[in-house]
Amino acid sequence: MDEVGTVCDVLVVGAGPGGGNAALQCSRRGLSTILIEDHPEIGTPVHCGECISEIACQNLDLTLPEEVISKRVQGIRVIFPDGTEKCLTEEGYVLEKHLFERWIADEAVSAGASIHLRHKLLSMERMEGNSFGGWICDGKGDQFPIRAKIVIDASGVAAVCSRLVKLDGEYPLNPKGKVVAGMQYELLDVPTDGYLDFYIWPRYAEKGYLWMIPKCDGRANVGLVTEDKPRTKKALDEFIADTHFSDLEQTLPPWKDKGSPAFGGTIPISGPFDRTHHDGLMLVGDAAGFTSPLFEGGSHLALKSAVFAAQTAAKAISEGDLSSERLSEYTRLWKAEFPPYDKILRGKTALFELSDDEMSVMATCFPDEMSDMGASGKAMVGFKLLLRRPGLYFKSIVPAMLAFGYSRAKYYGW
């Protein structure tokens, strides 16, 4: 620290998967990088997503250490209101999320980044000269003020920089997005065959879904996502009481030593923000609104967007151009790579407009293995629908079918 505060090339705000990887990727590119986290330790509290696909790991060139892997899984099983089961078979991992986030942060430190806990960003002031020169960032923590050429916002659903940066000195960079509530318990002695179970049962999870995510030693996370936020815990308790989970013991997760066994958080569902870059600023992961619409997977998107942000930052700093126009490369990169959110969202909306009975009829027309549903498979589903429930074919059923296809790992579903 000097008389004007701490100085760095890149300040990363938030040490979740996106922030940890942003710090790692920036450090590997020779940028002086500071990673700040407002909690007293990295990885806690755990919110929801603890799954990542093998396709994601290959896409990210990510070799997971054994200690962060809780269980290897075979894919996703979707269970519809009448109990009909269909699979999306593709291998992946259930993580001990707190250990995974600490591992990425440790990798960033090994690459040269510095990490500071209990640091909360509260203000951002532009440094101006002949051109934009970076940000003076202030807040709670002994490293502040921090002068950074570029800030990468990985603060999750809080989207801190979207609130702090004002357009024309008045309006926030992005308005607050819509969120859903997620909550889960860790249960013991849960029977499993190696699939992630996703229940689309609207009577418990309005415009959402429930899950059973198996972990090692017979443990599993059982939870839900719903737009009915006030009823989240009650709905989850009812689901557990009404199903084969009712007699299973709840336990505190390994990262928690006291308090309620329930844990979770909120998940953005409005889609990518209109502005994911600005002068000296890029937004990644949940802070940019990046989630997969149907099952709200976000880790793959967060980790990949961090790579794009680091690539863009390294080029911009080497060229001495920190302008919004220069950083627009970041937005072009993720738009070219990530699936069409609006298209998938239309499918999700169409799905939740179906009654339980209509949803189940649709499910019976799907092949048992939904990953095999190519063009000919979709045509066969349409033919079956015309035979069994002709009126259903004209209720936007095709977009609903596409939503399941886009939940696959190659489309950043998990």
Protein backbone atom coordinates (compact mmCIF):
# COMPACT_ATOMS: atom_id res chain seq x y z
CA MET A 1 0.00 0.00 0.00
CA ASP A 2 1.28 3.50 -0.80
CA GLU A 3 0.06 6.98 0.11
CA VAL A 4 -2.82 6.74 -2.32
CA GLY A 5 -3.94 3.30 -1.22
CA THR A 6 -3.56 -0.19 -2.64
CA VAL A 7 -2.91 -0.33 -6.38
CA CYS A 8 -3.62 -3.20 -8.77
CA ASP A 9 -4.46 -3.99 -12.35
CA VAL A 10 -7.65 -5.88 -11.54
CA LEU A 11 -9.91 -5.88 -8.50
CA VAL A 12 -12.26 -8.87 -8.34
CA VAL A 13 -15.29 -8.42 -6.09
CA GLY A 14 -16.56 -11.69 -4.59
CA ALA A 15 -14.79 -15.04 -4.14
CA GLY A 16 -17.42 -17.46 -5.44
CA PRO A 17 -16.69 -19.65 -8.48
CA GLY A 18 -16.77 -16.75 -10.93
CA GLY A 19 -14.65 -14.47 -8.77
CA GLY A 20 -12.12 -17.13 -7.85
CA ASN A 21 -11.68 -18.11 -11.47
CA ALA A 22 -11.50 -14.48 -12.62
CA ALA A 23 -8.67 -13.88 -10.12
CA LEU A 24 -6.93 -17.08 -11.23
CA GLN A 25 -7.21 -16.32 -14.94
CA CYS A 26 -6.10 -12.70 -14.53
CA SER A 27 -3.09 -13.72 -12.42
CA ARG A 28 -2.07 -16.34 -14.96
CA ARG A 29 -2.02 -13.56 -17.57
CA GLY A 30 0.45 -11.55 -15.50
CA LEU A 31 -2.01 -9.00 -14.11
CA SER A 32 -1.63 -7.80 -10.52
CA THR A 33 -4.90 -9.01 -9.04
CA ILE A 34 -6.74 -8.46 -5.76
CA LEU A 35 -9.70 -10.63 -4.79
CA ILE A 36 -11.96 -9.33 -2.03
CA GLU A 37 -14.71 -11.19 -0.17
CA ASP A 38 -17.03 -9.64 2.39
CA HIS A 39 -17.49 -12.87 4.41
CA PRO A 40 -14.93 -13.99 7.02
CA GLU A 41 -14.08 -17.12 5.01
CA ILE A 42 -14.37 -18.32 1.43
CA GLY A 43 -17.03 -20.86 0.52
CA THR A 44 -19.57 -20.22 3.24
CA PRO A 45 -22.41 -19.90 3.49
CA VAL A 46 -23.18 -22.33 0.65
CA HIS A 47 -26.21 -21.24 -1.35
CA CYS A 48 -27.41 -23.90 -3.78
CA GLY A 49 -25.54 -25.04 -6.87
CA GLU A 50 -23.14 -27.87 -6.05
CA CYS A 51 -23.10 -29.64 -9.43
CA ILE A 52 -20.87 -29.37 -12.45
CA SER A 53 -20.81 -31.53 -15.57
CA GLU A 54 -17.82 -33.32 -17.05
CA ILE A 55 -18.49 -31.35 -20.25
CA ALA A 56 -18.10 -28.13 -18.25
CA CYS A 57 -14.80 -29.32 -16.80
CA GLN A 58 -13.52 -30.13 -20.28
CA ASN A 59 -14.74 -26.78 -21.62
CA LEU A 60 -12.96 -24.98 -18.80
CA ASP A 61 -9.83 -27.17 -18.84
CA LEU A 62 -10.62 -27.83 -15.19
CA THR A 63 -9.09 -30.80 -13.38
CA LEU A 64 -10.93 -31.20 -10.10
CA PRO A 65 -8.94 -32.44 -7.10
CA GLU A 66 -10.50 -35.46 -5.41
CA GLU A 67 -11.07 -33.61 -2.14
CA VAL A 68 -13.64 -31.24 -3.69
CA ILE A 69 -15.66 -34.05 -5.33
CA SER A 70 -18.44 -35.48 -3.17
CA LYS A 71 -19.91 -37.86 -5.74
CA ARG A 72 -19.68 -38.72 -9.44
CA VAL A 73 -23.11 -38.79 -11.09
CA GLN A 74 -24.57 -40.13 -14.32
CA GLY A 75 -26.79 -37.20 -15.24
CA ILE A 76 -30.20 -35.66 -14.59
CA ARG A 77 -33.52 -37.44 -14.12
CA VAL A 78 -36.62 -35.27 -14.55
CA ILE A 79 -39.70 -36.46 -12.64
CA PHE A 80 -43.02 -35.06 -13.85
CA PRO A 81 -46.24 -34.52 -11.81
CA ASP A 82 -47.65 -38.03 -12.43
CA GLY A 83 -44.32 -39.68 -11.60
CA THR A 84 -43.18 -40.17 -15.20
CA GLU A 85 -39.37 -40.22 -15.27
CA LYS A 86 -37.12 -39.14 -18.15
CA CYS A 87 -33.32 -38.88 -18.17
CA LEU A 88 -30.64 -36.57 -19.52
CA THR A 89 -27.62 -38.86 -19.18
CA GLU A 90 -24.29 -37.01 -19.10
CA GLU A 91 -21.61 -37.51 -16.48
CA GLY A 92 -20.74 -34.94 -13.89
CA TYR A 93 -19.87 -34.22 -10.31
CA VAL A 94 -21.54 -33.19 -7.09
CA LEU A 95 -19.09 -30.95 -5.26
CA GLU A 96 -18.42 -30.02 -1.70
CA LYS A 97 -19.02 -26.46 -2.82
CA HIS A 98 -17.22 -24.74 0.05
CA LEU A 99 -14.08 -26.80 -0.65
CA PHE A 100 -14.36 -26.16 -4.39
CA GLU A 101 -14.48 -22.39 -3.92
CA ARG A 102 -11.53 -22.48 -1.50
CA TRP A 103 -9.55 -24.58 -3.96
CA ILE A 104 -10.06 -22.09 -6.80
CA ALA A 105 -9.09 -19.22 -4.49
CA ASP A 106 -5.93 -21.10 -3.42
CA GLU A 107 -5.08 -21.66 -7.08
CA ALA A 108 -5.46 -17.92 -7.66
CA VAL A 109 -3.08 -17.16 -4.79
CA SER A 110 -0.57 -19.65 -6.16
CA ALA A 111 -0.76 -17.81 -9.49
CA GLY A 112 -0.01 -14.49 -7.77
CA ALA A 113 -3.34 -13.02 -6.64
CA SER A 114 -3.85 -11.62 -3.16
CA ILE A 115 -7.05 -12.34 -1.22
CA HIS A 116 -8.58 -10.17 1.46
CA LEU A 117 -11.53 -11.34 3.55
CA ARG A 118 -13.99 -9.14 5.44
CA HIS A 119 -13.66 -6.52 2.70
CA LYS A 120 -16.88 -4.93 1.51
CA LEU A 121 -16.98 -2.59 -1.47
CA LEU A 122 -19.08 0.50 -0.76
CA SER A 123 -18.14 3.08 -3.38
CA MET A 124 -16.49 3.47 -6.79
CA GLU A 125 -15.07 6.75 -8.08
CA ARG A 126 -13.83 7.23 -11.63
CA MET A 127 -10.21 8.23 -12.25
CA GLU A 128 -10.21 10.64 -15.15
CA GLY A 129 -7.42 12.15 -17.22
CA ASN A 130 -7.26 12.45 -20.96
CA SER A 131 -9.21 9.20 -20.89
CA PHE A 132 -10.77 6.90 -18.33
CA GLY A 133 -7.98 5.74 -15.99
CA GLY A 134 -9.62 3.22 -13.65
CA TRP A 135 -11.54 3.16 -10.38
CA ILE A 136 -10.86 4.32 -6.84
CA CYS A 137 -12.74 1.75 -4.78
CA ASP A 138 -13.49 2.30 -1.11
CA GLY A 139 -15.26 0.33 1.57
CA LYS A 140 -14.81 -1.64 4.79
CA GLY A 141 -11.43 -3.34 5.13
CA ASP A 142 -7.84 -2.29 5.68
CA GLN A 143 -6.82 -2.57 2.00
CA PHE A 144 -9.16 0.23 0.98
CA PRO A 145 -8.96 2.51 -0.86
CA ILE A 146 -7.99 0.33 -3.81
CA ARG A 147 -7.02 1.84 -7.17
CA ALA A 148 -7.79 -0.61 -9.96
CA LYS A 149 -7.56 -0.26 -13.70
CA ILE A 150 -10.38 -2.77 -14.12
CA VAL A 151 -13.01 -4.12 -11.70
CA ILE A 152 -14.61 -7.53 -12.26
CA ASP A 153 -17.89 -7.81 -10.39
CA ALA A 154 -18.43 -11.38 -9.19
CA SER A 155 -20.56 -10.40 -6.21
CA GLY A 156 -23.37 -12.78 -7.07
CA VAL A 157 -27.02 -11.87 -6.98
CA ALA A 158 -26.15 -8.71 -4.99
CA ALA A 159 -24.65 -7.29 -8.22
CA VAL A 160 -22.78 -4.68 -6.17
CA CYS A 161 -21.20 -2.73 -9.02
CA SER A 162 -24.47 -2.41 -10.91
CA ARG A 163 -25.74 -0.43 -7.91
CA LEU A 164 -22.60 1.61 -7.24
CA VAL A 165 -21.85 2.71 -10.80
CA LYS A 166 -24.25 5.42 -11.94
CA LEU A 167 -25.02 6.38 -15.50
CA ASP A 168 -25.03 10.15 -15.93
CA GLY A 169 -24.33 10.30 -12.20
CA GLU A 170 -27.89 9.30 -11.40
CA TYR A 171 -29.18 5.95 -12.68
CA PRO A 172 -27.69 2.58 -11.69
CA LEU A 173 -25.77 0.71 -14.36
CA ASN A 174 -28.42 -2.04 -14.26
CA PRO A 175 -31.79 -2.15 -12.49
CA LYS A 176 -32.32 -4.83 -9.89
CA GLY A 177 -33.32 -8.12 -11.51
CA LYS A 178 -36.00 -10.61 -10.54
CA VAL A 179 -34.98 -13.52 -8.31
CA VAL A 180 -36.35 -16.82 -7.07
CA ALA A 181 -35.74 -18.38 -3.68
CA GLY A 182 -33.80 -21.60 -3.25
CA MET A 183 -33.63 -23.66 -0.06
CA GLN A 184 -32.43 -27.14 0.83
CA TYR A 185 -31.68 -29.57 3.62
CA GLU A 186 -28.96 -32.18 3.84
CA LEU A 187 -30.49 -35.58 4.60
CA LEU A 188 -28.87 -38.87 5.64
CA ASP A 189 -29.25 -42.40 4.24
CA VAL A 190 -30.90 -41.23 1.01
CA PRO A 191 -31.39 -44.00 -1.57
CA THR A 192 -29.85 -43.06 -4.94
CA ASP A 193 -28.72 -44.65 -8.19
CA GLY A 194 -26.32 -41.90 -9.21
CA TYR A 195 -28.68 -39.44 -10.94
CA LEU A 196 -29.63 -35.91 -9.94
CA ASP A 197 -33.40 -35.98 -9.47
CA PHE A 198 -35.30 -32.85 -10.54
CA TYR A 199 -39.03 -32.84 -9.74
CA ILE A 200 -41.27 -30.53 -11.76
CA TRP A 201 -44.15 -30.60 -9.28
CA PRO A 202 -45.90 -27.19 -9.31
CA ARG A 203 -48.07 -28.01 -6.30
CA TYR A 204 -44.94 -27.63 -4.16
CA ALA A 205 -42.70 -25.39 -6.27
CA GLU A 206 -44.64 -22.73 -8.15
CA LYS A 207 -42.83 -21.93 -11.41
CA GLY A 208 -39.85 -23.85 -10.09
CA TYR A 209 -38.72 -27.34 -9.26
CA LEU A 210 -37.46 -29.57 -6.46
CA TRP A 211 -34.33 -31.69 -6.34
CA MET A 212 -32.45 -34.51 -4.74
CA ILE A 213 -28.71 -34.16 -5.26
CA PRO A 214 -26.81 -37.21 -3.96
CA LYS A 215 -23.53 -36.83 -2.11
CA CYS A 216 -21.05 -39.22 -0.56
CA ASP A 217 -21.73 -41.38 2.51
CA GLY A 218 -25.47 -41.58 1.81
CA ARG A 219 -25.96 -37.83 2.19
CA ALA A 220 -28.09 -35.81 -0.23
CA ASN A 221 -29.31 -32.25 -0.65
CA VAL A 222 -33.10 -32.10 -0.95
CA GLY A 223 -34.45 -28.69 -1.85
CA LEU A 224 -36.50 -26.45 -4.11
CA VAL A 225 -36.57 -23.28 -6.14
CA THR A 226 -39.82 -21.32 -6.30
CA GLU A 227 -41.14 -17.90 -7.21
CA ASP A 228 -43.39 -18.09 -4.12
CA LYS A 229 -40.60 -16.84 -1.84
CA PRO A 230 -42.64 -16.45 1.40
CA ARG A 231 -43.72 -20.09 1.20
CA THR A 232 -40.31 -21.58 0.38
CA LYS A 233 -39.57 -23.39 3.64
CA LYS A 234 -43.16 -24.52 4.21
CA ALA A 235 -43.38 -25.92 0.67
CA LEU A 236 -40.10 -27.80 1.06
CA ASP A 237 -41.19 -29.24 4.41
CA GLU A 238 -44.48 -30.39 2.84
CA PHE A 239 -42.67 -32.05 -0.06
CA ILE A 240 -40.38 -33.96 2.29
CA ALA A 241 -43.30 -34.99 4.52
CA ASP A 242 -45.33 -36.27 1.55
CA THR A 243 -42.56 -38.31 -0.11
CA HIS A 244 -40.12 -41.12 0.63
CA PHE A 245 -37.82 -38.53 2.26
CA SER A 246 -40.18 -38.17 5.24
CA ASP A 247 -38.44 -40.62 7.59
CA LEU A 248 -34.90 -39.50 6.81
CA GLU A 249 -32.78 -37.59 9.28
CA GLN A 250 -31.77 -34.00 8.60
CA THR A 251 -28.21 -33.00 9.44
CA LEU A 252 -26.10 -29.87 9.42
CA PRO A 253 -23.92 -29.68 6.29
CA PRO A 254 -20.17 -30.13 6.92
CA TRP A 255 -19.45 -26.41 6.64
CA LYS A 256 -22.04 -25.49 9.30
CA ASP A 257 -21.63 -26.26 13.01
CA LYS A 258 -24.77 -24.69 14.47
CA GLY A 259 -28.12 -23.16 13.61
CA SER A 260 -30.91 -24.32 11.31
CA PRO A 261 -30.17 -27.23 8.97
CA ALA A 262 -31.86 -25.32 6.12
CA PHE A 263 -29.64 -23.31 3.81
CA GLY A 264 -29.98 -21.57 0.46
CA GLY A 265 -30.25 -18.19 -1.19
CA THR A 266 -31.70 -16.32 -4.12
CA ILE A 267 -31.07 -16.92 -7.83
CA PRO A 268 -31.41 -14.33 -10.63
CA ILE A 269 -33.98 -15.22 -13.29
CA SER A 270 -34.32 -12.04 -15.37
CA GLY A 271 -31.57 -13.13 -17.72
CA PRO A 272 -28.32 -11.36 -18.62
CA PHE A 273 -28.24 -7.68 -17.71
CA ASP A 274 -28.46 -5.16 -20.52
CA ARG A 275 -25.00 -3.86 -19.57
CA THR A 276 -22.40 -6.46 -18.65
CA HIS A 277 -19.48 -4.10 -19.31
CA HIS A 278 -18.73 -0.42 -18.77
CA ASP A 279 -15.63 1.75 -18.51
CA GLY A 280 -13.15 -0.37 -16.54
CA LEU A 281 -15.83 -2.82 -15.44
CA MET A 282 -17.09 -6.30 -16.37
CA LEU A 283 -19.80 -8.38 -14.69
CA VAL A 284 -19.54 -12.18 -14.42
CA GLY A 285 -21.72 -15.03 -13.15
CA ASP A 286 -24.84 -14.18 -11.15
CA ALA A 287 -23.69 -10.54 -10.99
CA ALA A 288 -24.32 -10.42 -14.74
CA GLY A 289 -27.58 -12.41 -14.52
CA PHE A 290 -26.02 -15.55 -16.01
CA THR A 291 -28.09 -18.61 -15.11
CA SER A 292 -29.57 -21.46 -17.13
CA PRO A 293 -33.30 -20.64 -17.21
CA LEU A 294 -34.99 -23.99 -16.54
CA PHE A 295 -32.93 -25.49 -13.71
CA GLU A 296 -31.04 -22.29 -12.78
CA GLY A 297 -27.56 -23.79 -13.14
CA GLY A 298 -24.94 -21.06 -12.85
CA SER A 299 -21.48 -22.46 -12.06
CA HIS A 300 -20.52 -23.33 -15.65
CA LEU A 301 -21.62 -19.90 -16.86
CA ALA A 302 -19.83 -18.12 -14.02
CA LEU A 303 -16.56 -19.96 -14.55
CA LYS A 304 -16.60 -19.40 -18.33
CA SER A 305 -17.58 -15.74 -18.13
CA ALA A 306 -14.61 -15.27 -15.78
CA VAL A 307 -12.32 -16.60 -18.51
CA PHE A 308 -13.77 -14.14 -21.04
CA ALA A 309 -13.40 -11.25 -18.58
CA ALA A 310 -9.76 -12.10 -17.87
CA GLN A 311 -8.95 -12.39 -21.57
CA THR A 312 -10.53 -9.00 -22.23
CA ALA A 313 -8.86 -7.36 -19.23
CA ALA A 314 -5.40 -8.53 -20.22
CA LYS A 315 -5.75 -7.16 -23.76
CA ALA A 316 -7.29 -3.87 -22.65
CA ILE A 317 -4.60 -3.19 -20.05
CA SER A 318 -1.78 -4.08 -22.45
CA GLU A 319 -3.24 -1.63 -24.98
CA GLY A 320 -3.83 1.08 -22.37
CA ASP A 321 -7.49 1.33 -23.29
CA LEU A 322 -9.92 0.73 -20.41
CA SER A 323 -12.94 2.23 -22.14
CA SER A 324 -16.36 0.67 -22.38
CA GLU A 325 -15.87 0.38 -26.12
CA ARG A 326 -12.70 -1.68 -25.63
CA LEU A 327 -14.30 -3.89 -22.98
CA SER A 328 -17.29 -4.53 -25.23
CA GLU A 329 -15.22 -7.45 -26.50
CA TYR A 330 -16.25 -9.25 -23.30
CA THR A 331 -19.95 -8.92 -24.11
CA ARG A 332 -19.36 -10.07 -27.67
CA LEU A 333 -17.51 -13.16 -26.41
CA TRP A 334 -20.20 -14.35 -24.02
CA LYS A 335 -23.03 -13.57 -26.45
CA ALA A 336 -21.34 -15.69 -29.11
CA GLU A 337 -20.82 -18.58 -26.69
CA PHE A 338 -23.79 -18.77 -24.33
CA PRO A 339 -27.18 -20.17 -25.39
CA PRO A 340 -30.11 -17.85 -26.27
CA TYR A 341 -31.58 -16.98 -22.89
CA ASP A 342 -34.77 -15.40 -24.23
CA LYS A 343 -35.55 -18.46 -26.35
CA ILE A 344 -35.07 -20.83 -23.40
CA LEU A 345 -37.07 -18.53 -21.13
CA ARG A 346 -40.01 -18.67 -23.55
CA GLY A 347 -39.85 -22.45 -23.29
CA LYS A 348 -39.77 -22.32 -19.50
CA THR A 349 -42.75 -19.95 -19.47
CA ALA A 350 -44.66 -22.25 -21.83
CA LEU A 351 -43.86 -25.24 -19.62
CA PHE A 352 -45.22 -23.60 -16.48
CA GLU A 353 -48.39 -22.54 -18.28
CA LEU A 354 -49.29 -26.23 -18.67
CA SER A 355 -51.48 -27.96 -16.11
CA ASP A 356 -50.05 -30.92 -14.18
CA ASP A 357 -51.99 -33.26 -16.44
CA GLU A 358 -50.79 -31.59 -19.64
CA MET A 359 -47.21 -31.63 -18.39
CA SER A 360 -47.45 -35.35 -17.67
CA VAL A 361 -48.97 -36.10 -21.09
CA MET A 362 -46.08 -34.23 -22.70
CA ALA A 363 -43.63 -36.28 -20.62
CA THR A 364 -45.09 -39.60 -21.75
CA CYS A 365 -44.35 -38.54 -25.34
CA PHE A 366 -40.67 -37.92 -24.61
CA PRO A 367 -38.13 -40.70 -25.18
CA ASP A 368 -36.81 -42.25 -21.97
CA GLU A 369 -33.43 -40.70 -22.77
CA MET A 370 -34.03 -37.04 -23.57
CA SER A 371 -30.46 -36.44 -24.68
CA ASP A 372 -31.33 -38.52 -27.77
CA MET A 373 -34.10 -36.11 -28.76
CA GLY A 374 -32.67 -34.68 -31.99
CA ALA A 375 -34.70 -33.30 -34.89
CA SER A 376 -36.30 -36.66 -35.66
CA GLY A 377 -36.95 -37.25 -31.97
CA LYS A 378 -38.74 -33.92 -31.63
CA ALA A 379 -40.83 -34.75 -34.69
CA MET A 380 -41.80 -38.07 -33.09
CA VAL A 381 -42.79 -36.30 -29.87
CA GLY A 382 -44.97 -33.94 -31.90
CA PHE A 383 -46.60 -36.87 -33.70
CA LYS A 384 -47.38 -38.60 -30.40
CA LEU A 385 -48.87 -35.41 -29.01
CA LEU A 386 -51.14 -35.03 -32.04
CA LEU A 387 -52.40 -38.57 -31.45
CA ARG A 388 -52.84 -38.37 -27.67
CA ARG A 389 -53.79 -34.73 -27.04
CA PRO A 390 -54.10 -32.70 -30.27
CA GLY A 391 -54.96 -29.46 -28.49
CA LEU A 392 -51.76 -29.66 -26.47
CA TYR A 393 -49.62 -29.50 -29.59
CA PHE A 394 -50.78 -25.94 -30.19
CA LYS A 395 -50.06 -24.69 -26.62
CA SER A 396 -46.44 -23.63 -27.26
CA ILE A 397 -45.34 -27.18 -26.52
CA VAL A 398 -42.39 -26.98 -28.91
CA PRO A 399 -40.64 -24.18 -26.95
CA ALA A 400 -41.27 -26.17 -23.76
CA MET A 401 -39.54 -29.19 -25.28
CA LEU A 402 -36.60 -27.04 -26.38
CA ALA A 403 -36.15 -25.81 -22.80
CA PHE A 404 -35.22 -29.35 -21.76
CA GLY A 405 -32.74 -29.68 -24.61
CA TYR A 406 -31.05 -26.43 -23.61
CA SER A 407 -30.66 -27.74 -20.04
CA ARG A 408 -27.92 -30.07 -21.25
CA ALA A 409 -24.33 -29.46 -20.23
CA LYS A 410 -23.15 -28.45 -23.72
CA TYR A 411 -25.58 -25.53 -23.52
CA TYR A 412 -24.25 -24.52 -20.09
CA GLY A 413 -27.16 -26.16 -18.28
CA TRP A 414 -24.79 -27.42 -15.57
